[in-house]
Structures are given as C-alpha cells and as structure tokens.
PDB file of N, CA and C in Angstrom:
ATOM      1  N   MET A   1    -116.462  25.427 111.061  1.00  0.00           N
ATOM      2  CA  MET A   1    -116.932  25.958 109.793  1.00  0.00           C
ATOM      3  C   MET A   1    -118.446  25.714 109.709  1.00  0.00           C
ATOM      4  N   ASN A   2    -119.109  26.610 109.062  1.00  0.00           N
ATOM      5  CA  ASN A   2    -120.546  26.528 108.863  1.00  0.00           C
ATOM      6  C   ASN A   2    -120.885  25.224 108.119  1.00  0.00           C
ATOM      7  N   PRO A   3    -121.888  24.457 108.587  1.00  0.00           N
ATOM      8  CA  PRO A   3    -122.237  23.188 107.915  1.00  0.00           C
ATOM      9  C   PRO A   3    -122.627  23.362 106.450  1.00  0.00           C
ATOM     10  N   THR A   4    -123.257  24.473 106.125  1.00  0.00           N
ATOM     11  CA  THR A   4    -123.642  24.710 104.732  1.00  0.00           C
ATOM     12  C   THR A   4    -122.403  24.880 103.868  1.00  0.00           C
ATOM     13  N   ILE A   5    -121.433  25.627 104.357  1.00  0.00           N
ATOM     14  CA  ILE A   5    -120.188  25.833 103.608  1.00  0.00           C
ATOM     15  C   ILE A   5    -119.432  24.518 103.490  1.00  0.00           C
ATOM     16  N   GLN A   6    -119.428  23.716 104.559  1.00  0.00           N
ATOM     17  CA  GLN A   6    -118.781  22.405 104.485  1.00  0.00           C
ATOM     18  C   GLN A   6    -119.440  21.535 103.414  1.00  0.00           C
ATOM     19  N   PHE A   7    -120.758  21.530 103.376  1.00  0.00           N
ATOM     20  CA  PHE A   7    -121.466  20.728 102.370  1.00  0.00           C
ATOM     21  C   PHE A   7    -121.139  21.216 100.964  1.00  0.00           C
ATOM     22  N   LEU A   8    -121.148  22.542 100.772  1.00  0.00           N
ATOM     23  CA  LEU A   8    -120.847  23.085  99.445  1.00  0.00           C
ATOM     24  C   LEU A   8    -119.418  22.741  99.020  1.00  0.00           C
ATOM     25  N   ALA A   9    -118.482  22.773  99.962  1.00  0.00           N
ATOM     26  CA  ALA A   9    -117.092  22.411  99.641  1.00  0.00           C
ATOM     27  C   ALA A   9    -117.005  20.937  99.257  1.00  0.00           C
ATOM     28  N   GLN A  10    -117.687  20.074 100.014  1.00  0.00           N
ATOM     29  CA  GLN A  10    -117.696  18.649  99.678  1.00  0.00           C
ATOM     30  C   GLN A  10    -118.390  18.404  98.350  1.00  0.00           C
ATOM     31  N   MET A  11    -119.467  19.146  98.108  1.00  0.00           N
ATOM     32  CA  MET A  11    -120.211  19.008  96.861  1.00  0.00           C
ATOM     33  C   MET A  11    -119.338  19.373  95.667  1.00  0.00           C
ATOM     34  N   GLY A  12    -118.495  20.373  95.836  1.00  0.00           N
ATOM     35  CA  GLY A  12    -117.608  20.792  94.755  1.00  0.00           C
ATOM     36  C   GLY A  12    -116.504  19.797  94.470  1.00  0.00           C
ATOM     37  N   SER A  13    -116.125  18.998  95.473  1.00  0.00           N
ATOM     38  CA  SER A  13    -115.017  18.075  95.271  1.00  0.00           C
ATOM     39  C   SER A  13    -115.442  16.618  95.080  1.00  0.00           C
ATOM     40  N   ASP A  14    -116.698  16.291  95.343  1.00  0.00           N
ATOM     41  CA  ASP A  14    -117.168  14.913  95.241  1.00  0.00           C
ATOM     42  C   ASP A  14    -118.282  14.826  94.195  1.00  0.00           C
ATOM     43  N   ALA A  15    -118.027  14.144  93.129  1.00  0.00           N
ATOM     44  CA  ALA A  15    -118.998  14.037  92.038  1.00  0.00           C
ATOM     45  C   ALA A  15    -120.288  13.351  92.475  1.00  0.00           C
ATOM     46  N   MET A  16    -120.224  12.470  93.451  1.00  0.00           N
ATOM     47  CA  MET A  16    -121.422  11.781  93.927  1.00  0.00           C
ATOM     48  C   MET A  16    -122.394  12.758  94.588  1.00  0.00           C
ATOM     49  N   LEU A  17    -121.879  13.813  95.194  1.00  0.00           N
ATOM     50  CA  LEU A  17    -122.735  14.795  95.860  1.00  0.00           C
ATOM     51  C   LEU A  17    -123.336  15.798  94.886  1.00  0.00           C
ATOM     52  N   GLN A  18    -122.917  15.766  93.637  1.00  0.00           N
ATOM     53  CA  GLN A  18    -123.423  16.717  92.664  1.00  0.00           C
ATOM     54  C   GLN A  18    -124.735  16.254  92.033  1.00  0.00           C
ATOM     55  N   ALA A  19    -125.216  15.103  92.438  1.00  0.00           N
ATOM     56  CA  ALA A  19    -126.514  14.626  91.956  1.00  0.00           C
ATOM     57  C   ALA A  19    -127.616  15.472  92.589  1.00  0.00           C
ATOM     58  N   ALA A  20    -128.729  15.583  91.914  1.00  0.00           N
ATOM     59  CA  ALA A  20    -129.827  16.455  92.355  1.00  0.00           C
ATOM     60  C   ALA A  20    -130.371  16.051  93.722  1.00  0.00           C
ATOM     61  N   ASP A  21    -130.405  14.750  94.031  1.00  0.00           N
ATOM     62  CA  ASP A  21    -130.986  14.315  95.304  1.00  0.00           C
ATOM     63  C   ASP A  21    -129.997  14.346  96.466  1.00  0.00           C
ATOM     64  N   ALA A  22    -128.740  14.691  96.224  1.00  0.00           N
ATOM     65  CA  ALA A  22    -127.745  14.739  97.299  1.00  0.00           C
ATOM     66  C   ALA A  22    -128.103  15.797  98.333  1.00  0.00           C
ATOM     67  N   VAL A  23    -128.710  16.884  97.911  1.00  0.00           N
ATOM     68  CA  VAL A  23    -129.090  17.951  98.838  1.00  0.00           C
ATOM     69  C   VAL A  23    -130.183  17.459  99.781  1.00  0.00           C
ATOM     70  N   ASN A  24    -131.058  16.600  99.289  1.00  0.00           N
ATOM     71  CA  ASN A  24    -132.146  16.075 100.125  1.00  0.00           C
ATOM     72  C   ASN A  24    -131.616  15.231 101.272  1.00  0.00           C
ATOM     73  N   HIS A  25    -130.488  14.565 101.077  1.00  0.00           N
ATOM     74  CA  HIS A  25    -129.918  13.692 102.098  1.00  0.00           C
ATOM     75  C   HIS A  25    -128.959  14.435 103.025  1.00  0.00           C
ATOM     76  N   ALA A  26    -128.624  15.644 102.690  1.00  0.00           N
ATOM     77  CA  ALA A  26    -127.714  16.436 103.526  1.00  0.00           C
ATOM     78  C   ALA A  26    -128.462  16.960 104.741  1.00  0.00           C
ATOM     79  N   GLU A  27    -127.744  17.137 105.821  1.00  0.00           N
ATOM     80  CA  GLU A  27    -128.347  17.664 107.040  1.00  0.00           C
ATOM     81  C   GLU A  27    -128.292  19.186 107.009  1.00  0.00           C
ATOM     82  N   LEU A  28    -129.104  19.757 106.129  1.00  0.00           N
ATOM     83  CA  LEU A  28    -129.170  21.200 105.958  1.00  0.00           C
ATOM     84  C   LEU A  28    -130.590  21.673 106.223  1.00  0.00           C
ATOM     85  N   PRO A  29    -130.749  22.916 106.667  1.00  0.00           N
ATOM     86  CA  PRO A  29    -132.113  23.455 106.776  1.00  0.00           C
ATOM     87  C   PRO A  29    -132.796  23.419 105.413  1.00  0.00           C
ATOM     88  N   ALA A  30    -134.102  23.253 105.427  1.00  0.00           N
ATOM     89  CA  ALA A  30    -134.874  23.089 104.187  1.00  0.00           C
ATOM     90  C   ALA A  30    -134.717  24.283 103.254  1.00  0.00           C
ATOM     91  N   HIS A  31    -134.712  25.501 103.813  1.00  0.00           N
ATOM     92  CA  HIS A  31    -134.622  26.683 102.946  1.00  0.00           C
ATOM     93  C   HIS A  31    -133.262  26.781 102.261  1.00  0.00           C
ATOM     94  N   ILE A  32    -132.202  26.314 102.914  1.00  0.00           N
ATOM     95  CA  ILE A  32    -130.872  26.337 102.286  1.00  0.00           C
ATOM     96  C   ILE A  32    -130.803  25.258 101.205  1.00  0.00           C
ATOM     97  N   GLY A  33    -131.366  24.084 101.478  1.00  0.00           N
ATOM     98  CA  GLY A  33    -131.416  23.036 100.465  1.00  0.00           C
ATOM     99  C   GLY A  33    -132.173  23.495  99.223  1.00  0.00           C
ATOM    100  N   ALA A  34    -133.269  24.227  99.432  1.00  0.00           N
ATOM    101  CA  ALA A  34    -134.040  24.743  98.296  1.00  0.00           C
ATOM    102  C   ALA A  34    -133.219  25.758  97.502  1.00  0.00           C
ATOM    103  N   MET A  35    -132.440  26.597  98.200  1.00  0.00           N
ATOM    104  CA  MET A  35    -131.589  27.581  97.505  1.00  0.00           C
ATOM    105  C   MET A  35    -130.542  26.880  96.646  1.00  0.00           C
ATOM    106  N   ILE A  36    -129.961  25.806  97.177  1.00  0.00           N
ATOM    107  CA  ILE A  36    -128.939  25.068  96.428  1.00  0.00           C
ATOM    108  C   ILE A  36    -129.567  24.393  95.205  1.00  0.00           C
ATOM    109  N   GLN A  37    -130.722  23.782  95.388  1.00  0.00           N
ATOM    110  CA  GLN A  37    -131.372  23.081  94.280  1.00  0.00           C
ATOM    111  C   GLN A  37    -131.815  24.030  93.167  1.00  0.00           C
ATOM    112  N   THR A  38    -132.205  25.246  93.524  1.00  0.00           N
ATOM    113  CA  THR A  38    -132.652  26.202  92.504  1.00  0.00           C
ATOM    114  C   THR A  38    -131.518  27.110  92.026  1.00  0.00           C
ATOM    115  N   ASN A  39    -130.303  26.850  92.506  1.00  0.00           N
ATOM    116  CA  ASN A  39    -129.125  27.657  92.144  1.00  0.00           C
ATOM    117  C   ASN A  39    -129.333  29.141  92.436  1.00  0.00           C
ATOM    118  N   ASP A  40    -129.974  29.442  93.565  1.00  0.00           N
ATOM    119  CA  ASP A  40    -130.217  30.825  93.970  1.00  0.00           C
ATOM    120  C   ASP A  40    -128.976  31.351  94.699  1.00  0.00           C
ATOM    121  N   ILE A  41    -127.973  31.750  93.924  1.00  0.00           N
ATOM    122  CA  ILE A  41    -126.689  32.177  94.466  1.00  0.00           C
ATOM    123  C   ILE A  41    -126.826  33.422  95.326  1.00  0.00           C
ATOM    124  N   GLU A  42    -127.627  34.373  94.888  1.00  0.00           N
ATOM    125  CA  GLU A  42    -127.785  35.626  95.636  1.00  0.00           C
ATOM    126  C   GLU A  42    -128.393  35.369  97.014  1.00  0.00           C
ATOM    127  N   ALA A  43    -129.392  34.489  97.082  1.00  0.00           N
ATOM    128  CA  ALA A  43    -130.008  34.172  98.369  1.00  0.00           C
ATOM    129  C   ALA A  43    -129.012  33.453  99.286  1.00  0.00           C
ATOM    130  N   LEU A  44    -128.202  32.546  98.700  1.00  0.00           N
ATOM    131  CA  LEU A  44    -127.183  31.860  99.496  1.00  0.00           C
ATOM    132  C   LEU A  44    -126.143  32.844 100.033  1.00  0.00           C
ATOM    133  N   LYS A  45    -125.719  33.786  99.193  1.00  0.00           N
ATOM    134  CA  LYS A  45    -124.760  34.803  99.647  1.00  0.00           C
ATOM    135  C   LYS A  45    -125.335  35.593 100.807  1.00  0.00           C
ATOM    136  N   ALA A  46    -126.592  35.975 100.700  1.00  0.00           N
ATOM    137  CA  ALA A  46    -127.229  36.749 101.766  1.00  0.00           C
ATOM    138  C   ALA A  46    -127.376  35.906 103.037  1.00  0.00           C
ATOM    139  N   GLU A  47    -127.762  34.659 102.890  1.00  0.00           N
ATOM    140  CA  GLU A  47    -127.960  33.773 104.041  1.00  0.00           C
ATOM    141  C   GLU A  47    -126.645  33.490 104.769  1.00  0.00           C
ATOM    142  N   LEU A  48    -125.582  33.285 103.995  1.00  0.00           N
ATOM    143  CA  LEU A  48    -124.285  32.946 104.584  1.00  0.00           C
ATOM    144  C   LEU A  48    -123.438  34.171 104.888  1.00  0.00           C
ATOM    145  N   ASP A  49    -123.939  35.354 104.541  1.00  0.00           N
ATOM    146  CA  ASP A  49    -123.225  36.614 104.762  1.00  0.00           C
ATOM    147  C   ASP A  49    -121.843  36.562 104.104  1.00  0.00           C
ATOM    148  N   VAL A  50    -121.843  36.221 102.821  1.00  0.00           N
ATOM    149  CA  VAL A  50    -120.612  36.091 102.053  1.00  0.00           C
ATOM    150  C   VAL A  50    -120.206  37.457 101.503  1.00  0.00           C
ATOM    151  N   VAL A  51    -118.951  37.802 101.716  1.00  0.00           N
ATOM    152  CA  VAL A  51    -118.415  39.043 101.158  1.00  0.00           C
ATOM    153  C   VAL A  51    -117.532  38.641  99.986  1.00  0.00           C
ATOM    154  N   SER A  52    -117.950  39.019  98.793  1.00  0.00           N
ATOM    155  CA  SER A  52    -117.209  38.591  97.604  1.00  0.00           C
ATOM    156  C   SER A  52    -116.219  39.643  97.119  1.00  0.00           C
ATOM    157  N   ASP A  53    -116.133  40.779  97.792  1.00  0.00           N
ATOM    158  CA  ASP A  53    -115.191  41.811  97.394  1.00  0.00           C
ATOM    159  C   ASP A  53    -113.803  41.470  97.920  1.00  0.00           C
ATOM    160  N   ILE A  54    -112.838  41.474  97.034  1.00  0.00           N
ATOM    161  CA  ILE A  54    -111.450  41.224  97.410  1.00  0.00           C
ATOM    162  C   ILE A  54    -110.677  42.509  97.183  1.00  0.00           C
ATOM    163  N   VAL A  55    -109.974  42.932  98.204  1.00  0.00           N
ATOM    164  CA  VAL A  55    -109.211  44.170  98.121  1.00  0.00           C
ATOM    165  C   VAL A  55    -107.741  43.831  98.302  1.00  0.00           C
ATOM    166  N   CYS A  56    -106.922  44.382  97.442  1.00  0.00           N
ATOM    167  CA  CYS A  56    -105.489  44.120  97.496  1.00  0.00           C
ATOM    168  C   CYS A  56    -104.757  45.445  97.392  1.00  0.00           C
ATOM    169  N   ALA A  57    -103.708  45.586  98.166  1.00  0.00           N
ATOM    170  CA  ALA A  57    -102.910  46.810  98.108  1.00  0.00           C
ATOM    171  C   ALA A  57    -101.437  46.426  98.112  1.00  0.00           C
ATOM    172  N   LEU A  58    -100.659  47.128  97.332  1.00  0.00           N
ATOM    173  CA  LEU A  58     -99.220  46.922  97.296  1.00  0.00           C
ATOM    174  C   LEU A  58     -98.547  48.197  97.789  1.00  0.00           C
ATOM    175  N   LEU A  59     -97.649  48.049  98.723  1.00  0.00           N
ATOM    176  CA  LEU A  59     -96.921  49.189  99.242  1.00  0.00           C
ATOM    177  C   LEU A  59     -95.463  49.062  98.829  1.00  0.00           C
ATOM    178  N   VAL A  60     -94.920  50.128  98.303  1.00  0.00           N
ATOM    179  CA  VAL A  60     -93.534  50.129  97.868  1.00  0.00           C
ATOM    180  C   VAL A  60     -92.665  50.416  99.082  1.00  0.00           C
ATOM    181  N   ALA A  61     -91.650  49.587  99.263  1.00  0.00           N
ATOM    182  CA  ALA A  61     -90.739  49.781 100.387  1.00  0.00           C
ATOM    183  C   ALA A  61     -89.876  51.009 100.136  1.00  0.00           C
ATOM    184  N   GLU A  62     -89.570  51.683 101.217  1.00  0.00           N
ATOM    185  CA  GLU A  62     -88.695  52.845 101.093  1.00  0.00           C
ATOM    186  C   GLU A  62     -87.265  52.368 100.874  1.00  0.00           C
ATOM    187  N   ASP A  63     -86.534  53.038  99.986  1.00  0.00           N
ATOM    188  CA  ASP A  63     -85.145  52.671  99.715  1.00  0.00           C
ATOM    189  C   ASP A  63     -84.255  53.137 100.858  1.00  0.00           C
ATOM    190  N   ASP A  64     -83.401  52.248 101.269  1.00  0.00           N
ATOM    191  CA  ASP A  64     -82.403  52.595 102.268  1.00  0.00           C
ATOM    192  C   ASP A  64     -81.143  52.972 101.499  1.00  0.00           C
ATOM    193  N   GLU A  65     -80.751  54.224 101.565  1.00  0.00           N
ATOM    194  CA  GLU A  65     -79.650  54.718 100.737  1.00  0.00           C
ATOM    195  C   GLU A  65     -78.353  53.972 100.998  1.00  0.00           C
ATOM    196  N   GLU A  66     -78.092  53.545 102.230  1.00  0.00           N
ATOM    197  CA  GLU A  66     -76.858  52.804 102.522  1.00  0.00           C
ATOM    198  C   GLU A  66     -76.853  51.464 101.798  1.00  0.00           C
ATOM    199  N   GLN A  67     -77.996  50.777 101.793  1.00  0.00           N
ATOM    200  CA  GLN A  67     -78.060  49.486 101.111  1.00  0.00           C
ATOM    201  C   GLN A  67     -77.876  49.658  99.610  1.00  0.00           C
ATOM    202  N   VAL A  68     -78.443  50.683  99.043  1.00  0.00           N
ATOM    203  CA  VAL A  68     -78.305  50.934  97.615  1.00  0.00           C
ATOM    204  C   VAL A  68     -76.843  51.208  97.282  1.00  0.00           C
ATOM    205  N   ASP A  69     -76.158  52.006  98.097  1.00  0.00           N
ATOM    206  CA  ASP A  69     -74.748  52.301  97.871  1.00  0.00           C
ATOM    207  C   ASP A  69     -73.909  51.032  97.966  1.00  0.00           C
ATOM    208  N   GLN A  70     -74.201  50.175  98.952  1.00  0.00           N
ATOM    209  CA  GLN A  70     -73.436  48.937  99.104  1.00  0.00           C
ATOM    210  C   GLN A  70     -73.645  48.019  97.907  1.00  0.00           C
ATOM    211  N   LEU A  71     -74.854  47.931  97.428  1.00  0.00           N
ATOM    212  CA  LEU A  71     -75.124  47.085  96.271  1.00  0.00           C
ATOM    213  C   LEU A  71     -74.400  47.591  95.034  1.00  0.00           C
ATOM    214  N   GLN A  72     -74.331  48.900  94.878  1.00  0.00           N
ATOM    215  CA  GLN A  72     -73.656  49.471  93.726  1.00  0.00           C
ATOM    216  C   GLN A  72     -72.146  49.259  93.828  1.00  0.00           C
ATOM    217  N   ASP A  73     -71.586  49.319  95.039  1.00  0.00           N
ATOM    218  CA  ASP A  73     -70.148  49.121  95.228  1.00  0.00           C
ATOM    219  C   ASP A  73     -69.750  47.670  95.004  1.00  0.00           C
ATOM    220  N   ASN A  74     -70.596  46.714  95.300  1.00  0.00           N
ATOM    221  CA  ASN A  74     -70.280  45.294  95.191  1.00  0.00           C
ATOM    222  C   ASN A  74     -70.657  44.709  93.831  1.00  0.00           C
ATOM    223  N   SER A  75     -71.135  45.510  92.928  1.00  0.00           N
ATOM    224  CA  SER A  75     -71.550  44.973  91.635  1.00  0.00           C
ATOM    225  C   SER A  75     -70.321  44.563  90.827  1.00  0.00           C
ATOM    226  N   PRO A  76     -70.412  43.468  90.092  1.00  0.00           N
ATOM    227  CA  PRO A  76     -69.269  42.999  89.312  1.00  0.00           C
ATOM    228  C   PRO A  76     -68.970  43.939  88.138  1.00  0.00           C
ATOM    229  N   ALA A  77     -67.723  43.861  87.716  1.00  0.00           N
ATOM    230  CA  ALA A  77     -67.309  44.682  86.577  1.00  0.00           C
ATOM    231  C   ALA A  77     -68.068  44.228  85.331  1.00  0.00           C
ATOM    232  N   PRO A  78     -68.253  45.095  84.372  1.00  0.00           N
ATOM    233  CA  PRO A  78     -68.955  44.709  83.140  1.00  0.00           C
ATOM    234  C   PRO A  78     -68.254  43.540  82.461  1.00  0.00           C
ATOM    235  N   LEU A  79     -69.009  42.684  81.888  1.00  0.00           N
ATOM    236  CA  LEU A  79     -68.489  41.509  81.205  1.00  0.00           C
ATOM    237  C   LEU A  79     -67.924  41.905  79.845  1.00  0.00           C
ATOM    238  N   LYS A  80     -66.691  41.445  79.594  1.00  0.00           N
ATOM    239  CA  LYS A  80     -66.061  41.714  78.308  1.00  0.00           C
ATOM    240  C   LYS A  80     -65.898  40.395  77.576  1.00  0.00           C
ATOM    241  N   ILE A  81     -66.270  40.373  76.333  1.00  0.00           N
ATOM    242  CA  ILE A  81     -66.198  39.145  75.534  1.00  0.00           C
ATOM    243  C   ILE A  81     -65.207  39.361  74.416  1.00  0.00           C
ATOM    244  N   ALA A  82     -64.300  38.383  74.281  1.00  0.00           N
ATOM    245  CA  ALA A  82     -63.333  38.420  73.178  1.00  0.00           C
ATOM    246  C   ALA A  82     -63.640  37.285  72.240  1.00  0.00           C
ATOM    247  N   VAL A  83     -63.643  37.592  70.968  1.00  0.00           N
ATOM    248  CA  VAL A  83     -63.947  36.580  69.957  1.00  0.00           C
ATOM    249  C   VAL A  83     -62.745  36.476  69.034  1.00  0.00           C
ATOM    250  N   ASN A  84     -62.273  35.268  68.846  1.00  0.00           N
ATOM    251  CA  ASN A  84     -61.175  35.032  67.878  1.00  0.00           C
ATOM    252  C   ASN A  84     -61.829  34.684  66.549  1.00  0.00           C
ATOM    253  N   GLY A  85     -61.344  35.337  65.557  1.00  0.00           N
ATOM    254  CA  GLY A  85     -61.894  34.918  64.302  1.00  0.00           C
ATOM    255  C   GLY A  85     -61.695  35.799  63.193  1.00  0.00           C
TER     256      GLY A  85
END
C-alpha cells in the first residue's frame, strides 16, 4: 500500500497522529505533508490518483419457469383460523 495512504489510515484511527506536528514526524515527501497540513484534498486526490466515483449496477436474474412452477406446487395451503366465541 502507498505510504501516504497508510499514514492517512493510521491518522484517521489514532488520535495521537491527529496533532498538527504528527505530519512533520511522518516519513512522507514534503509536498504531501504540506497538502495534509493545509487540508488540500483536491491536490491529495490528484497526487494519489484517487477515483472517488462509485458505480453500482443491479442485474435481475432471469426466471426459470420450472423453478417457479415447483415453488407454486409446493406452497402450503392457505391458513384457516377458527375462533370460538
């Protein structure tokens, strides 16, 4: 994993690394440390080549007519309730 990403992950999970001088002690290139200290998210995304677009697709399965018929044949009879009163 990229050392910068490792540092950012550790920084997110360790409160001690969230201090302003923690970046100075990290073994990161100076320009990346400056980006982190100034919260330059866009520059960090460009430097790390981060793709923030998430694409999701759902595909509906084709119905198998034999399985549908079997499920319909094995379905229990309707429930009948009798109440005394």
